[in-house]
Every structure is written in C-alpha cells, then in structure tokens.
Amino acid sequence: MERYKYLRSLISQLLEESPLTSEEVIADVHHLMNVGEEELAFDTMCSWIYEDSLPISSNYYERLVVAAQELGTPKSTERLDELVEG
C-alpha cells in the first residue's frame, strides 16, 4: 500500500509540474491513476509531452527518468531528451 501511495504521489507531482495544458489529457492521466494504472498513467503523460513537442527543463527530464525507473517503464521517457531546453 505504501508503494502504491508513493507512486501515485510521484506521478501526481510530475503531472502538476508538467507542461501539459490539455484538460482532456490531464483528466485521462488522473483517471488512469484512479483505476490503479499508474504505469499507464505515467506513460500517457510522457507520450503526450512528446507528441505535443512540449519543452521541458533538464531537471524535470531527470525526474521523469528516475520515475520511469521506479515504475519499471524506462521506455516511457525515450526521446524526451529531445525536448530539453538548452
């Protein structure tokens, strides 16, 4: 239970600080977390950041990479390094 709470908190924090602005995407990520699909929620968030070519800071990128390792979904952050602002 503690790990579940930790993962939800981690994803929620990253979502809150993400560059995503689409209410639909944000709602989808919240919905996936609410039904216990944390890995899919995280992957969805990362996919939309990439699809919308949203710039991210190097610090935020590093936090996404760490979260992907924690969740066991390292492919979620592939290519997001292309969006890191110089």
C-alpha atoms as a PDB file:
ATOM      1  CA  MET A   1       0.000   0.000   0.000  1.00  0.00           C
ATOM      2  CA  GLU A   2       2.817   2.405   0.789  1.00  0.00           C
ATOM      3  CA  ARG A   3       4.442   1.870  -2.609  1.00  0.00           C
ATOM      4  CA  TYR A   4       1.087   2.483  -4.286  1.00  0.00           C
ATOM      5  CA  LYS A   5       0.690   5.792  -2.431  1.00  0.00           C
ATOM      6  CA  TYR A   6       4.266   6.751  -3.226  1.00  0.00           C
ATOM      7  CA  LEU A   7       3.833   6.081  -6.960  1.00  0.00           C
ATOM      8  CA  ARG A   8       0.543   7.992  -7.099  1.00  0.00           C
ATOM      9  CA  SER A   9       2.150  10.930  -5.314  1.00  0.00           C
ATOM     10  CA  LEU A  10       5.166  10.845  -7.627  1.00  0.00           C
ATOM     11  CA  ILE A  11       3.045  10.838 -10.784  1.00  0.00           C
ATOM     12  CA  SER A  12       0.670  13.480  -9.424  1.00  0.00           C
ATOM     13  CA  GLN A  13       3.574  15.813  -8.652  1.00  0.00           C
ATOM     14  CA  LEU A  14       5.120  15.315 -12.087  1.00  0.00           C
ATOM     15  CA  LEU A  15       1.745  15.844 -13.753  1.00  0.00           C
ATOM     16  CA  GLU A  16       1.163  19.036 -11.781  1.00  0.00           C
ATOM     17  CA  GLU A  17       4.552  20.382 -12.871  1.00  0.00           C
ATOM     18  CA  SER A  18       4.271  19.121 -16.444  1.00  0.00           C
ATOM     19  CA  PRO A  19       3.913  21.420 -19.446  1.00  0.00           C
ATOM     20  CA  LEU A  20       0.643  19.672 -20.383  1.00  0.00           C
ATOM     21  CA  THR A  21      -2.276  22.049 -20.816  1.00  0.00           C
ATOM     22  CA  SER A  22      -4.931  19.809 -22.373  1.00  0.00           C
ATOM     23  CA  GLU A  23      -7.628  19.255 -19.767  1.00  0.00           C
ATOM     24  CA  GLU A  24      -8.599  16.016 -21.530  1.00  0.00           C
ATOM     25  CA  VAL A  25      -5.088  14.582 -21.282  1.00  0.00           C
ATOM     26  CA  ILE A  26      -4.742  15.642 -17.653  1.00  0.00           C
ATOM     27  CA  ALA A  27      -8.136  14.098 -16.872  1.00  0.00           C
ATOM     28  CA  ASP A  28      -7.089  10.871 -18.637  1.00  0.00           C
ATOM     29  CA  VAL A  29      -3.930  10.627 -16.544  1.00  0.00           C
ATOM     30  CA  HIS A  30      -5.925  11.218 -13.345  1.00  0.00           C
ATOM     31  CA  HIS A  31      -8.479   8.605 -14.408  1.00  0.00           C
ATOM     32  CA  LEU A  32      -5.783   6.011 -15.076  1.00  0.00           C
ATOM     33  CA  MET A  33      -4.291   6.627 -11.639  1.00  0.00           C
ATOM     34  CA  ASN A  34      -7.727   6.357 -10.028  1.00  0.00           C
ATOM     35  CA  VAL A  35      -8.233   2.896 -11.508  1.00  0.00           C
ATOM     36  CA  GLY A  36      -4.793   1.684 -10.399  1.00  0.00           C
ATOM     37  CA  GLU A  37      -2.985   2.011 -13.723  1.00  0.00           C
ATOM     38  CA  GLU A  38      -0.037   4.107 -12.536  1.00  0.00           C
ATOM     39  CA  GLU A  39       2.385   2.833 -15.173  1.00  0.00           C
ATOM     40  CA  LEU A  40      -0.076   3.557 -17.975  1.00  0.00           C
ATOM     41  CA  ALA A  41      -0.856   6.978 -16.490  1.00  0.00           C
ATOM     42  CA  PHE A  42       2.842   7.858 -16.452  1.00  0.00           C
ATOM     43  CA  ASP A  43       3.378   6.535 -19.973  1.00  0.00           C
ATOM     44  CA  THR A  44       0.369   8.516 -21.221  1.00  0.00           C
ATOM     45  CA  MET A  45       1.712  11.711 -19.656  1.00  0.00           C
ATOM     46  CA  CYS A  46       5.158  11.206 -21.204  1.00  0.00           C
ATOM     47  CA  SER A  47       3.669  10.304 -24.586  1.00  0.00           C
ATOM     48  CA  TRP A  48       1.635  13.486 -24.734  1.00  0.00           C
ATOM     49  CA  ILE A  49       4.589  15.637 -23.705  1.00  0.00           C
ATOM     50  CA  TYR A  50       6.483  14.137 -26.632  1.00  0.00           C
ATOM     51  CA  GLU A  51       3.582  14.196 -29.106  1.00  0.00           C
ATOM     52  CA  ASP A  52       2.914  17.873 -28.407  1.00  0.00           C
ATOM     53  CA  SER A  53       6.661  18.686 -28.505  1.00  0.00           C
ATOM     54  CA  LEU A  54       6.418  20.474 -25.170  1.00  0.00           C
ATOM     55  CA  PRO A  55       9.712  21.883 -23.908  1.00  0.00           C
ATOM     56  CA  ILE A  56      10.921  20.578 -20.548  1.00  0.00           C
ATOM     57  CA  SER A  57      13.772  21.545 -18.251  1.00  0.00           C
ATOM     58  CA  SER A  58      16.729  19.239 -17.762  1.00  0.00           C
ATOM     59  CA  ASN A  59      15.769  18.893 -14.085  1.00  0.00           C
ATOM     60  CA  TYR A  60      12.215  17.835 -14.991  1.00  0.00           C
ATOM     61  CA  TYR A  61      13.563  15.396 -17.580  1.00  0.00           C
ATOM     62  CA  GLU A  62      15.861  13.797 -14.996  1.00  0.00           C
ATOM     63  CA  ARG A  63      12.930  13.439 -12.598  1.00  0.00           C
ATOM     64  CA  LEU A  64      10.914  11.730 -15.351  1.00  0.00           C
ATOM     65  CA  VAL A  65      13.777   9.300 -15.983  1.00  0.00           C
ATOM     66  CA  VAL A  66      14.010   8.438 -12.281  1.00  0.00           C
ATOM     67  CA  ALA A  67      10.239   7.965 -12.117  1.00  0.00           C
ATOM     68  CA  ALA A  68      10.337   5.707 -15.190  1.00  0.00           C
ATOM     69  CA  GLN A  69      12.943   3.550 -13.445  1.00  0.00           C
ATOM     70  CA  GLU A  70      10.832   3.440 -10.263  1.00  0.00           C
ATOM     71  CA  LEU A  71       7.778   2.397 -12.275  1.00  0.00           C
ATOM     72  CA  GLY A  72       9.695  -0.115 -14.378  1.00  0.00           C
ATOM     73  CA  THR A  73       8.768   1.690 -17.607  1.00  0.00           C
ATOM     74  CA  PRO A  74      12.086   3.034 -18.946  1.00  0.00           C
ATOM     75  CA  LYS A  75      10.722   3.272 -22.495  1.00  0.00           C
ATOM     76  CA  SER A  76       8.260   5.947 -21.333  1.00  0.00           C
ATOM     77  CA  THR A  77      10.994   8.579 -21.381  1.00  0.00           C
ATOM     78  CA  GLU A  78      12.683   7.564 -24.628  1.00  0.00           C
ATOM     79  CA  ARG A  79      13.254  10.581 -26.867  1.00  0.00           C
ATOM     80  CA  LEU A  80      12.066  13.086 -24.264  1.00  0.00           C
ATOM     81  CA  ASP A  81      15.661  14.285 -24.076  1.00  0.00           C
ATOM     82  CA  GLU A  82      14.977  15.907 -27.477  1.00  0.00           C
ATOM     83  CA  LEU A  83      12.617  18.326 -25.723  1.00  0.00           C
ATOM     84  CA  VAL A  84      15.021  19.547 -23.050  1.00  0.00           C
ATOM     85  CA  GLU A  85      15.516  23.269 -23.302  1.00  0.00           C
ATOM     86  CA  GLY A  86      19.106  24.256 -23.912  1.00  0.00           C
END
